[in-house]
Protein backbone atom coordinates (compact mmCIF):
# COMPACT_ATOMS: atom_id res chain seq x y z
CA UNK A 1 -3.46 7.85 -36.50
CA UNK A 2 -3.67 11.00 -34.32
CA UNK A 3 -7.35 11.43 -34.99
CA UNK A 4 -7.89 7.76 -33.99
CA UNK A 5 -6.01 8.37 -30.73
CA UNK A 6 -7.94 11.54 -30.06
CA UNK A 7 -11.20 9.53 -30.61
CA UNK A 8 -10.21 6.93 -28.10
CA UNK A 9 -9.12 9.50 -25.46
CA UNK A 10 -12.56 11.19 -25.91
CA UNK A 11 -14.46 7.96 -25.52
CA UNK A 12 -12.47 6.92 -22.37
CA UNK A 13 -12.53 10.32 -20.57
CA UNK A 14 -12.62 9.70 -16.89
CA UNK A 15 -14.92 12.53 -15.95
CA UNK A 16 -14.96 14.92 -12.92
CA UNK A 17 -17.42 12.81 -10.89
CA UNK A 18 -15.27 9.82 -11.15
CA UNK A 19 -12.13 11.86 -10.37
CA UNK A 20 -13.84 13.02 -7.11
CA UNK A 21 -14.64 9.48 -6.15
CA UNK A 22 -11.06 8.37 -7.07
CA UNK A 23 -9.62 11.05 -4.83
CA UNK A 24 -12.11 10.81 -1.90
CA UNK A 25 -12.49 7.01 -1.64
CA UNK A 26 -8.90 6.46 -2.49
CA UNK A 27 -7.57 9.02 0.06
CA UNK A 28 -9.90 7.53 2.68
CA UNK A 29 -8.69 4.01 2.03
CA UNK A 30 -5.03 4.85 1.91
CA UNK A 31 -5.48 6.89 5.14
CA UNK A 32 -6.74 3.82 6.82
CA UNK A 33 -3.80 1.71 5.47
CA UNK A 34 -1.43 4.24 6.64
CA UNK A 35 -2.82 4.25 10.02
CA UNK A 36 -2.56 0.47 10.13
CA UNK A 37 1.04 0.46 8.79
CA UNK A 38 2.30 3.14 11.15
CA UNK A 39 0.07 3.95 14.09
CA UNK A 40 -1.15 0.53 14.80
CA UNK A 41 2.52 -0.37 15.33
CA UNK A 42 3.15 2.62 17.59
CA UNK A 43 -0.08 1.70 19.46
CA UNK A 44 1.32 -1.77 20.19
CA UNK A 45 4.58 -0.31 21.70
CA UNK A 46 2.58 2.30 23.75
CA UNK A 47 -0.31 0.27 24.93
CA UNK A 48 0.79 -3.57 24.68
CA UNK A 49 4.61 -3.65 24.96
CA UNK A 50 7.82 -2.83 23.02
CA UNK A 51 7.79 -6.25 21.20
CA UNK A 52 8.67 -6.13 17.55
CA UNK A 53 7.45 -9.71 17.13
CA UNK A 54 3.85 -8.80 17.75
CA UNK A 55 4.21 -6.27 14.94
CA UNK A 56 5.73 -8.90 12.63
CA UNK A 57 2.89 -11.36 13.37
CA UNK A 58 0.25 -8.53 12.91
CA UNK A 59 1.54 -7.58 9.60
CA UNK A 60 2.04 -11.18 8.29
CA UNK A 61 -1.44 -12.28 9.20
CA UNK A 62 -3.13 -9.08 7.96
CA UNK A 63 -1.20 -9.56 4.81
CA UNK A 64 -2.68 -13.14 4.36
CA UNK A 65 -6.16 -11.77 5.29
CA UNK A 66 -5.79 -9.02 2.73
CA UNK A 67 -4.65 -11.23 -0.13
CA UNK A 68 -7.30 -13.88 0.53
CA UNK A 69 -9.98 -11.18 0.62
CA UNK A 70 -8.78 -9.68 -2.66
CA UNK A 71 -8.86 -13.07 -4.42
CA UNK A 72 -12.22 -13.98 -2.93
CA UNK A 73 -14.02 -10.74 -3.25
CA UNK A 74 -12.45 -10.04 -6.64
CA UNK A 75 -13.61 -13.35 -7.99
CA UNK A 76 -17.13 -12.72 -6.61
CA UNK A 77 -17.30 -9.22 -8.02
CA UNK A 78 -16.09 -10.43 -11.48
CA UNK A 79 -18.79 -13.13 -11.41
CA UNK A 80 -21.59 -10.63 -10.57
CA UNK A 81 -20.22 -7.86 -12.61
CA UNK A 82 -20.57 -5.39 -9.74
CA UNK A 83 -18.10 -3.44 -7.48
CA UNK A 84 -20.36 -1.09 -5.68
CA UNK A 85 -21.74 -3.55 -3.01
CA UNK A 86 -18.23 -4.70 -2.16
CA UNK A 87 -17.11 -1.01 -1.66
CA UNK A 88 -20.23 -0.35 0.45
CA UNK A 89 -19.76 -3.14 2.97
CA UNK A 90 -15.99 -3.34 2.78
CA UNK A 91 -15.56 0.40 3.83
CA UNK A 92 -18.40 0.15 6.46
CA UNK A 93 -16.77 -2.80 8.29
CA UNK A 94 -13.27 -1.36 7.70
CA UNK A 95 -14.31 1.62 9.72
CA UNK A 96 -15.94 -0.51 12.52
CA UNK A 97 -12.93 -2.69 13.06
CA UNK A 98 -10.59 0.41 12.95
CA UNK A 99 -12.69 1.50 16.03
CA UNK A 100 -12.47 -1.88 17.55
CA UNK A 101 -8.77 -1.96 17.38
CA UNK A 102 -8.67 1.29 19.44
CA UNK A 103 -10.75 -0.36 21.99
CA UNK A 104 -8.01 -3.05 22.51
CA UNK A 105 -6.32 -0.45 24.65
CA UNK A 106 -8.52 -1.66 27.57
CA UNK A 107 -7.65 -5.23 27.30
CA UNK A 108 -5.85 -6.73 30.51
CA UNK A 109 -2.16 -6.76 29.83
CA UNK A 110 -1.19 -9.45 32.47
CA UNK A 111 -1.23 -12.00 29.65
CA UNK A 112 0.88 -10.68 26.78
CA UNK A 113 0.13 -13.74 24.66
CA UNK A 114 -3.66 -13.32 24.83
CA UNK A 115 -3.32 -9.58 24.27
CA UNK A 116 -1.10 -10.19 21.23
CA UNK A 117 -3.50 -12.70 19.74
CA UNK A 118 -6.38 -10.04 20.08
CA UNK A 119 -4.26 -7.50 18.41
CA UNK A 120 -3.53 -9.76 15.46
CA UNK A 121 -7.04 -11.04 15.13
CA UNK A 122 -8.75 -7.60 15.03
CA UNK A 123 -6.13 -6.27 12.63
CA UNK A 124 -6.70 -9.28 10.40
CA UNK A 125 -10.51 -8.60 10.34
CA UNK A 126 -10.00 -4.89 9.61
CA UNK A 127 -7.59 -5.91 6.71
CA UNK A 128 -10.10 -8.37 5.35
CA UNK A 129 -12.82 -5.83 4.92
CA UNK A 130 -10.43 -3.07 3.96
CA UNK A 131 -9.08 -5.24 1.02
CA UNK A 132 -12.69 -6.05 0.11
CA UNK A 133 -13.55 -2.40 -0.27
CA UNK A 134 -10.28 -0.89 -1.33
CA UNK A 135 -7.80 -3.31 -2.84
CA UNK A 136 -10.37 -5.48 -4.60
CA UNK A 137 -13.51 -3.53 -5.47
CA UNK A 138 -12.22 0.02 -5.62
CA UNK A 139 -8.98 -0.82 -7.49
CA UNK A 140 -10.95 -2.90 -9.93
CA UNK A 141 -13.36 -0.10 -10.44
CA UNK A 142 -10.62 2.25 -11.30
CA UNK A 143 -9.49 -0.25 -13.98
CA UNK A 144 -13.07 -0.65 -15.42
CA UNK A 145 -13.42 3.06 -15.98
CA UNK A 146 -10.02 3.62 -17.76
CA UNK A 147 -7.80 2.14 -20.39
CA UNK A 148 -4.22 2.49 -21.70
CA UNK A 149 -4.78 6.00 -22.91
CA UNK A 150 -5.44 7.59 -19.51
CA UNK A 151 -3.83 5.17 -17.06
CA UNK A 152 -0.76 7.45 -16.64
CA UNK A 153 -2.95 9.93 -15.02
CA UNK A 154 -4.62 7.26 -13.04
CA UNK A 155 -1.33 5.83 -12.01
CA UNK A 156 -0.08 9.30 -10.82
CA UNK A 157 -3.28 9.69 -8.71
CA UNK A 158 -3.08 6.17 -7.21
CA UNK A 159 0.61 6.86 -6.42
CA UNK A 160 -0.11 10.21 -4.92
CA UNK A 161 -2.90 8.95 -2.76
CA UNK A 162 -0.89 6.90 -0.35
CA UNK A 163 1.65 9.67 -0.02
CA UNK A 164 -1.02 12.25 0.59
CA UNK A 165 -2.60 9.92 3.07
CA UNK A 166 0.73 9.47 4.74
CA UNK A 167 1.18 13.22 5.04
CA UNK A 168 -2.28 13.64 6.56
CA UNK A 169 -1.92 10.33 8.53
CA UNK A 170 1.42 11.35 9.93
CA UNK A 171 1.14 15.10 10.44
CA UNK A 172 -2.50 15.38 11.59
CA UNK A 173 -2.60 11.84 13.28
CA UNK A 174 0.51 12.56 15.25
CA UNK A 175 -0.88 15.79 16.54
CA UNK A 176 -4.30 14.28 17.37
CA UNK A 177 -2.78 11.19 19.08
CA UNK A 178 -0.70 13.32 21.30
CA UNK A 179 -3.63 15.54 21.95
CA UNK A 180 -6.48 12.91 22.49
CA UNK A 181 -4.63 9.58 22.68
CA UNK A 182 -5.16 6.38 20.64
CA UNK A 183 -8.71 5.39 21.52
CA UNK A 184 -10.40 8.58 20.65
CA UNK A 185 -8.32 8.87 17.48
CA UNK A 186 -9.23 5.46 16.19
CA UNK A 187 -12.88 6.10 16.95
CA UNK A 188 -12.94 9.31 14.86
CA UNK A 189 -10.99 7.83 11.93
CA UNK A 190 -13.11 4.63 11.81
CA UNK A 191 -16.37 6.53 11.69
CA UNK A 192 -15.05 8.71 8.93
CA UNK A 193 -13.93 5.75 6.78
CA UNK A 194 -17.37 4.10 7.21
CA UNK A 195 -19.31 7.08 6.29
CA UNK A 196 -17.07 7.97 3.22
CA UNK A 197 -17.31 4.39 1.87
CA UNK A 198 -21.07 4.14 2.28
CA UNK A 199 -21.82 7.44 0.60
CA UNK A 200 -19.15 6.94 -2.17
CA UNK A 201 -20.60 3.50 -3.05
CA UNK A 202 -24.08 4.93 -3.21
CA UNK A 203 -23.34 7.79 -5.68
CA UNK A 204 -20.79 5.94 -7.94
CA UNK A 205 -21.68 4.16 -11.33
CA UNK A 206 -20.22 0.83 -12.41
CA UNK A 207 -17.70 0.96 -15.30
CA UNK A 208 -19.25 0.56 -18.72
CA UNK A 209 -16.87 -2.19 -19.71
CA UNK A 210 -17.66 -4.32 -16.80
CA UNK A 211 -19.86 -7.51 -17.46
CA UNK A 212 -20.50 -10.63 -15.45
CA UNK A 213 -17.79 -13.21 -15.94
CA UNK A 214 -19.33 -16.48 -14.77
CA UNK A 215 -17.38 -19.78 -14.78
CA UNK A 216 -20.09 -22.40 -15.42
CA UNK A 217 -18.15 -24.95 -13.18
CA UNK A 218 -18.87 -22.88 -10.13
CA UNK A 219 -17.44 -20.18 -7.88
CA UNK A 220 -14.64 -22.22 -6.42
CA UNK A 221 -13.51 -23.40 -9.69
CA UNK A 222 -13.33 -19.86 -10.89
CA UNK A 223 -11.66 -18.80 -7.58
CA UNK A 224 -9.00 -21.48 -8.00
CA UNK A 225 -8.45 -20.58 -11.63
CA UNK A 226 -6.55 -17.39 -10.77
CA UNK A 227 -3.97 -19.57 -8.97
CA UNK A 228 -3.19 -21.06 -12.31
CA UNK A 229 -0.20 -18.80 -13.07
CA UNK A 230 -0.21 -19.97 -16.71
CA UNK A 231 -1.35 -16.43 -17.71
CA UNK A 232 1.60 -14.91 -15.85
CA UNK A 233 4.00 -17.52 -17.31
CA UNK A 234 2.76 -16.75 -20.92
CA UNK A 235 3.00 -13.08 -20.28
CA UNK A 236 6.61 -12.72 -19.16
CA UNK A 237 6.42 -8.96 -18.99
CA UNK A 238 3.67 -9.28 -16.41
CA UNK A 239 5.71 -11.79 -14.41
CA UNK A 240 8.88 -9.48 -14.19
CA UNK A 241 6.66 -6.49 -13.30
CA UNK A 242 5.25 -8.52 -10.41
CA UNK A 243 8.63 -9.40 -9.30
CA UNK A 244 9.73 -5.64 -9.32
CA UNK A 245 6.74 -4.91 -7.09
CA UNK A 246 7.52 -7.86 -4.73
CA UNK A 247 11.29 -6.99 -4.35
CA UNK A 248 10.71 -3.26 -3.93
CA UNK A 249 8.02 -3.53 -1.37
CA UNK A 250 9.78 -6.18 0.69
CA UNK A 251 12.49 -3.61 1.06
CA UNK A 252 9.92 -0.87 1.72
CA UNK A 253 8.16 -2.90 4.56
CA UNK A 254 11.60 -3.80 5.95
CA UNK A 255 11.78 -0.31 7.33
CA UNK A 256 8.55 1.68 6.91
CA UNK A 257 6.39 -0.16 9.33
CA UNK A 258 8.92 0.54 12.06
CA UNK A 259 9.76 4.09 11.15
CA UNK A 260 7.30 5.74 13.56
CA UNK A 261 8.70 3.67 16.51
CA UNK A 262 12.34 4.51 15.28
CA UNK A 263 11.58 8.23 15.56
CA UNK A 264 9.56 8.05 18.78
CA UNK A 265 11.57 5.44 20.82
CA UNK A 266 14.92 5.36 18.95
CA UNK A 267 15.48 9.10 18.52
CA UNK A 268 12.94 10.43 21.24
CA UNK A 269 10.73 12.55 19.07
CA UNK A 270 7.03 13.12 20.07
CA UNK A 271 4.21 11.72 17.86
CA UNK A 272 3.44 15.18 16.47
CA UNK A 273 7.08 15.87 15.71
CA UNK A 274 7.36 12.36 13.89
CA UNK A 275 4.44 13.14 11.70
CA UNK A 276 5.64 16.64 10.80
CA UNK A 277 9.09 15.43 9.85
CA UNK A 278 7.74 12.67 7.58
CA UNK A 279 4.89 14.86 6.21
CA UNK A 280 7.11 17.64 5.05
CA UNK A 281 9.57 15.35 3.38
CA UNK A 282 6.84 13.37 1.51
CA UNK A 283 5.04 16.41 0.54
CA UNK A 284 7.96 17.66 -1.32
CA UNK A 285 8.42 14.24 -2.83
CA UNK A 286 4.84 14.23 -4.29
CA UNK A 287 5.50 17.48 -6.23
CA UNK A 288 8.88 16.24 -7.47
CA UNK A 289 7.27 13.26 -9.19
CA UNK A 290 4.54 15.05 -11.15
CA UNK A 291 6.67 15.41 -14.34
CA UNK A 292 7.02 11.64 -14.50
CA UNK A 293 3.35 11.36 -15.75
CA UNK A 294 4.47 12.25 -19.15
CA UNK A 295 7.25 9.55 -19.26
CA UNK A 296 4.70 6.88 -17.95
CA UNK A 297 2.09 7.68 -20.56
CA UNK A 298 4.85 7.34 -23.26
CA UNK A 299 5.65 3.92 -21.94
CA UNK A 300 8.94 4.67 -20.34
CA UNK A 301 8.14 2.42 -17.42
CA UNK A 302 11.50 0.62 -17.09
CA UNK A 303 13.76 3.69 -17.11
CA UNK A 304 11.45 5.33 -14.42
CA UNK A 305 11.84 2.28 -12.23
CA UNK A 306 15.78 2.34 -12.60
CA UNK A 307 15.88 6.13 -11.47
CA UNK A 308 13.26 5.41 -8.68
CA UNK A 309 15.27 2.72 -7.30
CA UNK A 310 18.48 4.61 -7.31
CA UNK A 311 16.80 7.60 -5.59
CA UNK A 312 15.37 5.19 -2.98
CA UNK A 313 18.85 3.71 -2.25
CA UNK A 314 20.44 7.09 -1.86
CA UNK A 315 17.58 8.41 0.42
CA UNK A 316 17.89 5.25 2.68
CA UNK A 317 21.61 5.54 2.99
CA UNK A 318 21.23 9.28 4.07
CA UNK A 319 18.52 8.20 6.65
CA UNK A 320 20.90 5.55 8.12
CA UNK A 321 23.49 8.31 9.01
CA UNK A 322 21.14 11.28 9.71
CA UNK A 323 20.50 10.59 13.40
CA UNK A 324 18.97 13.62 15.07
CA UNK A 325 19.90 16.15 12.28
CA UNK A 326 16.46 17.15 10.95
CA UNK A 327 17.70 18.73 7.64
CA UNK A 328 19.63 15.56 6.64
CA UNK A 329 16.74 13.42 7.68
CA UNK A 330 14.41 15.47 5.55
CA UNK A 331 16.67 15.11 2.50
CA UNK A 332 16.69 11.30 3.03
CA UNK A 333 12.92 11.18 3.36
CA UNK A 334 12.46 13.33 0.19
CA UNK A 335 14.73 11.06 -1.93
CA UNK A 336 13.41 7.92 -0.53
CA UNK A 337 9.91 9.30 -0.97
CA UNK A 338 10.37 10.28 -4.52
CA UNK A 339 11.54 6.62 -5.20
CA UNK A 340 8.48 5.12 -3.50
CA UNK A 341 6.08 7.29 -5.34
CA UNK A 342 7.59 6.85 -8.67
CA UNK A 343 7.73 2.99 -8.17
CA UNK A 344 4.12 2.93 -7.10
CA UNK A 345 3.02 5.24 -9.85
CA UNK A 346 4.84 3.45 -12.57
CA UNK A 347 3.92 -0.12 -11.67
CA UNK A 348 0.31 0.81 -11.12
CA UNK A 349 0.06 2.03 -14.67
CA UNK A 350 2.32 -0.56 -16.19
CA UNK A 351 0.60 -3.67 -14.57
CA UNK A 352 -3.02 -2.50 -15.27
CA UNK A 353 -2.19 -2.64 -19.04
CA UNK A 354 -1.29 -6.09 -18.67
CA UNK A 355 -4.29 -7.58 -16.88
CA UNK A 356 -6.49 -10.09 -18.71
CA UNK A 357 -9.60 -7.96 -19.57
CA UNK A 358 -12.12 -10.55 -18.12
CA UNK A 359 -10.31 -11.07 -14.86
CA UNK A 360 -9.39 -7.69 -13.62
CA UNK A 361 -10.82 -8.31 -10.12
CA UNK A 362 -8.99 -11.59 -9.67
CA UNK A 363 -5.73 -10.23 -10.93
CA UNK A 364 -5.89 -7.41 -8.29
CA UNK A 365 -5.50 -10.45 -6.05
CA UNK A 366 -2.44 -11.68 -7.98
CA UNK A 367 -0.93 -8.12 -7.65
CA UNK A 368 -1.72 -8.29 -3.87
CA UNK A 369 0.39 -11.44 -3.51
CA UNK A 370 3.45 -9.49 -4.71
CA UNK A 371 2.52 -6.05 -3.37
CA UNK A 372 1.20 -7.03 0.07
CA UNK A 373 1.50 -10.76 0.86
CA UNK A 374 5.14 -11.39 0.23
CA UNK A 375 6.40 -7.95 1.29
CA UNK A 376 4.54 -8.00 4.63
CA UNK A 377 5.65 -11.59 5.49
CA UNK A 378 9.32 -11.22 4.57
CA UNK A 379 10.01 -7.52 5.18
CA UNK A 380 8.80 -7.35 8.72
CA UNK A 381 10.13 -10.70 9.68
CA UNK A 382 13.59 -9.85 8.54
CA UNK A 383 13.32 -6.41 10.16
CA UNK A 384 12.31 -8.02 13.52
CA UNK A 385 15.56 -10.02 13.49
CA UNK A 386 17.62 -6.84 12.97
CA UNK A 387 15.72 -5.00 15.69
CA UNK A 388 16.07 -7.75 18.34
CA UNK A 389 19.82 -8.02 17.51
CA UNK A 390 20.87 -4.55 16.60
CA UNK A 391 18.05 -2.39 18.11
CA UNK A 392 18.02 0.09 20.83
CA UNK A 393 17.19 -1.24 24.43
CA UNK A 394 14.09 0.64 25.89
CA UNK A 395 11.70 0.44 28.76
CA UNK A 396 8.15 1.50 28.09
CA UNK A 397 5.51 1.43 30.77
CA UNK A 398 7.76 -0.88 32.80
CA UNK A 399 8.22 -3.35 29.84
CA UNK A 400 11.67 -3.98 28.55
CA UNK A 401 12.11 -4.39 24.79
CA UNK A 402 13.97 -3.21 21.72
CA UNK A 403 13.20 -0.12 19.62
CA UNK A 404 14.24 0.08 15.98
CA UNK A 405 17.54 1.52 15.00
CA UNK A 406 19.04 3.13 11.80
CA UNK A 407 20.47 -0.22 10.89
CA UNK A 408 16.96 -0.87 9.16
CA UNK A 409 17.59 1.83 6.60
CA UNK A 410 21.09 0.58 5.57
CA UNK A 411 19.68 -3.00 5.33
CA UNK A 412 16.80 -1.76 3.12
CA UNK A 413 19.24 0.24 0.96
CA UNK A 414 21.36 -2.82 0.25
CA UNK A 415 18.47 -4.99 -0.53
CA UNK A 416 16.82 -2.39 -2.91
CA UNK A 417 19.55 -2.90 -5.30
CA UNK A 418 18.00 -6.15 -6.24
CA UNK A 419 15.04 -4.40 -7.67
CA UNK A 420 17.26 -3.63 -10.80
CA UNK A 421 17.45 -7.39 -11.80
CA UNK A 422 13.69 -7.95 -12.60
CA UNK A 423 13.59 -4.46 -14.00
CA UNK A 424 16.11 -5.38 -16.63
CA UNK A 425 14.15 -8.55 -17.68
CA UNK A 426 10.80 -6.47 -17.70
CA UNK A 427 12.34 -3.93 -20.05
CA UNK A 428 13.67 -6.65 -22.25
CA UNK A 429 10.22 -8.33 -22.45
CA UNK A 430 8.54 -5.18 -23.15
CA UNK A 431 10.81 -4.33 -26.03
CA UNK A 432 10.45 -7.83 -27.43
CA UNK A 433 6.48 -7.37 -27.34
CA UNK A 434 6.71 -3.86 -28.89
CA UNK A 435 8.93 -5.21 -31.83
CA UNK A 436 6.55 -8.12 -32.46
CA UNK A 437 3.49 -5.88 -32.65
CA UNK A 438 5.14 -3.47 -34.90
């Protein structure tokens, strides 16, 4: 048995070139998502007005655009048996619309509704192409070049990427925004994303297991087939893992998209200080999660999720009471960060093992429903109610509004306990499957 396992591992070795592409393309993509999830929101407060409802609409519409793009482009890439063209054009236009978002600073602000609509529209276009390049094509490509024997390492890398991007995107971005302001910053980042995506797509090779999967009834029949959740219903383990993702990231988006505005306008920190505070805490969190790779490769997914959720809850409770105390704030960020990285790392490896082999691209779309669409609609919408009723009154550039308060962290901590419910059922289904296979 051991020789057989060794043979499989040898055959599915990821290779250093692919690892470079995973890290470079993945980091570039996650950096862009981090900018959207954090600095687009502080941009709205700084350049448009302190209106949390604009952020709620922006995240909800971009989530819809992201999910549709992943389904549409995932179906198309599955049919063609190609990921590279989608990475090429996705990253290219992702960068272009990131630059366009920065140019919105120069819109007239006398009509706040028109300005808000433009912000939402440009962000949605950016999200559509970002999802084409990253969530659909790049993520499917990483599945194509791996299997169950090495997805623990892949899951660890995929989980570290958004945290590494958050560290760079908060520390470096905060310093740059304070130094050169938003417009120049978005120009630089947008150009960087476009160049990295184009070069990466040109040098990468398609996964050997990837073959065209064409539905003879046509594209739209194949596109619609993924909305038949019969596959998910038949695979109960997959269903419960998707629910874990949905519940956890609803709680995550409840507070994270507002955390920058909380530090800047709620506590009075500068952009650079905000970035450094988050960067240090998340940097520590990344190193603390490295030992978890071994448990994930051994299939200890459920236990890891339970520990992760408990750490997240403790960290969020600490953040809700930390106030201006930097040391206590860092402890809270470290614990919540460990929980976040572990959940992302574990669910990434777990769910990729459950995808139907010939629908990997489409099922990245299914994952996005639970990872992006539902969390970014329900999380920010609920948070906006909390901010408008229990936020901190502020005046920014002559405009009155409400800044986020620490109530967001306490609310997220309470909601996070619900993650344990689908986790229990996922563990039960996983054990049933293992017993039947043995």
